[in-house]
């Protein structure tokens, strides 16, 4: 079975796509993040799409958390405390 390979266009090695046996008669292509299961597909392109979608959601989640932190800081400064 081939070794996992990096799939992110940014070279993020936390994402891997590799063939694995996961209950099907033939191996499926599994996408993982830091070893955690993201999903599987019959094709490498499908598993890559799963990993890229996860990366986009994580970027959005971090951006939202930063915006909330910035807003909280702005509100605190606006009160004069």
C-alpha atoms as a PDB file:
ATOM      1  CA  UNK A   1       0.000   0.000   0.000  1.00  0.00           C
ATOM      2  CA  UNK A   2       1.492   3.405  -0.946  1.00  0.00           C
ATOM      3  CA  UNK A   3       2.521   5.821   1.777  1.00  0.00           C
ATOM      4  CA  UNK A   4       0.280   8.830   2.507  1.00  0.00           C
ATOM      5  CA  UNK A   5       1.197  11.931   0.554  1.00  0.00           C
ATOM      6  CA  UNK A   6       0.730  15.639   1.167  1.00  0.00           C
ATOM      7  CA  UNK A   7      -2.269  16.953  -0.764  1.00  0.00           C
ATOM      8  CA  UNK A   8      -2.497  20.634   0.097  1.00  0.00           C
ATOM      9  CA  UNK A   9      -1.364  23.043  -2.580  1.00  0.00           C
ATOM     10  CA  UNK A  10       0.324  24.934   0.268  1.00  0.00           C
ATOM     11  CA  UNK A  11       2.290  21.824   1.193  1.00  0.00           C
ATOM     12  CA  UNK A  12       0.504  21.310   4.524  1.00  0.00           C
ATOM     13  CA  UNK A  13       1.670  17.860   5.565  1.00  0.00           C
ATOM     14  CA  UNK A  14      -1.065  17.579   8.190  1.00  0.00           C
ATOM     15  CA  UNK A  15      -3.396  16.582   5.332  1.00  0.00           C
ATOM     16  CA  UNK A  16      -2.888  13.175   3.764  1.00  0.00           C
ATOM     17  CA  UNK A  17      -4.661  11.164   1.094  1.00  0.00           C
ATOM     18  CA  UNK A  18      -3.874   7.477   0.823  1.00  0.00           C
ATOM     19  CA  UNK A  19      -5.505   4.180  -0.112  1.00  0.00           C
ATOM     20  CA  UNK A  20      -6.798   2.262   2.902  1.00  0.00           C
ATOM     21  CA  UNK A  21      -9.003  -0.703   3.549  1.00  0.00           C
ATOM     22  CA  UNK A  22     -12.026   0.638   5.419  1.00  0.00           C
ATOM     23  CA  UNK A  23     -14.735  -1.991   5.113  1.00  0.00           C
ATOM     24  CA  UNK A  24     -14.957  -2.175   1.331  1.00  0.00           C
ATOM     25  CA  UNK A  25     -13.629  -5.156  -0.636  1.00  0.00           C
ATOM     26  CA  UNK A  26     -11.131  -2.856  -2.351  1.00  0.00           C
ATOM     27  CA  UNK A  27      -9.153  -0.054  -0.763  1.00  0.00           C
ATOM     28  CA  UNK A  28     -10.748   3.401  -0.780  1.00  0.00           C
ATOM     29  CA  UNK A  29      -8.886   6.696  -0.970  1.00  0.00           C
ATOM     30  CA  UNK A  30      -9.033   8.211   2.543  1.00  0.00           C
ATOM     31  CA  UNK A  31      -8.486  11.861   3.471  1.00  0.00           C
ATOM     32  CA  UNK A  32      -7.097  12.578   6.931  1.00  0.00           C
ATOM     33  CA  UNK A  33      -6.108  15.634   8.957  1.00  0.00           C
ATOM     34  CA  UNK A  34      -3.452  15.006  11.611  1.00  0.00           C
ATOM     35  CA  UNK A  35      -4.358  11.332  11.350  1.00  0.00           C
ATOM     36  CA  UNK A  36      -8.064  11.989  11.981  1.00  0.00           C
ATOM     37  CA  UNK A  37     -10.550  10.634   9.454  1.00  0.00           C
ATOM     38  CA  UNK A  38     -12.146  13.273   7.205  1.00  0.00           C
ATOM     39  CA  UNK A  39     -13.775  10.982   4.649  1.00  0.00           C
ATOM     40  CA  UNK A  40     -13.175   8.598   1.767  1.00  0.00           C
ATOM     41  CA  UNK A  41     -13.716   8.500  -1.959  1.00  0.00           C
ATOM     42  CA  UNK A  42     -13.292   6.112  -4.843  1.00  0.00           C
ATOM     43  CA  UNK A  43     -10.857   8.519  -6.506  1.00  0.00           C
ATOM     44  CA  UNK A  44      -7.856  10.558  -5.345  1.00  0.00           C
ATOM     45  CA  UNK A  45      -9.503  13.710  -6.711  1.00  0.00           C
ATOM     46  CA  UNK A  46     -12.558  13.122  -4.534  1.00  0.00           C
ATOM     47  CA  UNK A  47     -10.453  12.619  -1.409  1.00  0.00           C
ATOM     48  CA  UNK A  48      -8.425  15.705  -2.292  1.00  0.00           C
ATOM     49  CA  UNK A  49     -11.674  17.699  -2.520  1.00  0.00           C
ATOM     50  CA  UNK A  50     -12.609  16.485   0.979  1.00  0.00           C
ATOM     51  CA  UNK A  51      -9.255  17.631   2.372  1.00  0.00           C
ATOM     52  CA  UNK A  52      -9.424  21.001   0.589  1.00  0.00           C
ATOM     53  CA  UNK A  53     -12.969  21.615   1.840  1.00  0.00           C
ATOM     54  CA  UNK A  54     -11.838  20.853   5.402  1.00  0.00           C
ATOM     55  CA  UNK A  55      -8.915  23.274   5.031  1.00  0.00           C
ATOM     56  CA  UNK A  56     -11.281  26.015   3.791  1.00  0.00           C
ATOM     57  CA  UNK A  57     -13.649  25.493   6.733  1.00  0.00           C
ATOM     58  CA  UNK A  58     -10.748  25.614   9.195  1.00  0.00           C
ATOM     59  CA  UNK A  59      -9.428  28.859   7.646  1.00  0.00           C
ATOM     60  CA  UNK A  60     -12.913  30.384   7.920  1.00  0.00           C
ATOM     61  CA  UNK A  61     -13.274  29.231  11.516  1.00  0.00           C
ATOM     62  CA  UNK A  62      -9.933  30.816  12.460  1.00  0.00           C
ATOM     63  CA  UNK A  63     -10.808  34.071  10.649  1.00  0.00           C
ATOM     64  CA  UNK A  64     -14.140  34.275  12.478  1.00  0.00           C
ATOM     65  CA  UNK A  65     -12.484  33.664  15.845  1.00  0.00           C
ATOM     66  CA  UNK A  66      -9.943  36.413  15.097  1.00  0.00           C
ATOM     67  CA  UNK A  67     -12.694  38.839  14.038  1.00  0.00           C
ATOM     68  CA  UNK A  68     -14.628  38.123  17.241  1.00  0.00           C
ATOM     69  CA  UNK A  69     -11.487  38.699  19.312  1.00  0.00           C
ATOM     70  CA  UNK A  70     -10.771  41.965  17.477  1.00  0.00           C
ATOM     71  CA  UNK A  71     -14.356  43.119  17.975  1.00  0.00           C
ATOM     72  CA  UNK A  72     -14.216  42.296  21.689  1.00  0.00           C
ATOM     73  CA  UNK A  73     -11.003  44.273  22.038  1.00  0.00           C
ATOM     74  CA  UNK A  74     -12.539  47.225  20.177  1.00  0.00           C
ATOM     75  CA  UNK A  75     -15.607  47.193  22.438  1.00  0.00           C
ATOM     76  CA  UNK A  76     -13.427  47.021  25.552  1.00  0.00           C
ATOM     77  CA  UNK A  77     -11.287  49.941  24.372  1.00  0.00           C
ATOM     78  CA  UNK A  78     -14.390  51.939  23.440  1.00  0.00           C
ATOM     79  CA  UNK A  79     -15.668  51.753  27.030  1.00  0.00           C
ATOM     80  CA  UNK A  80     -12.536  53.315  28.376  1.00  0.00           C
ATOM     81  CA  UNK A  81     -11.539  50.385  30.562  1.00  0.00           C
END
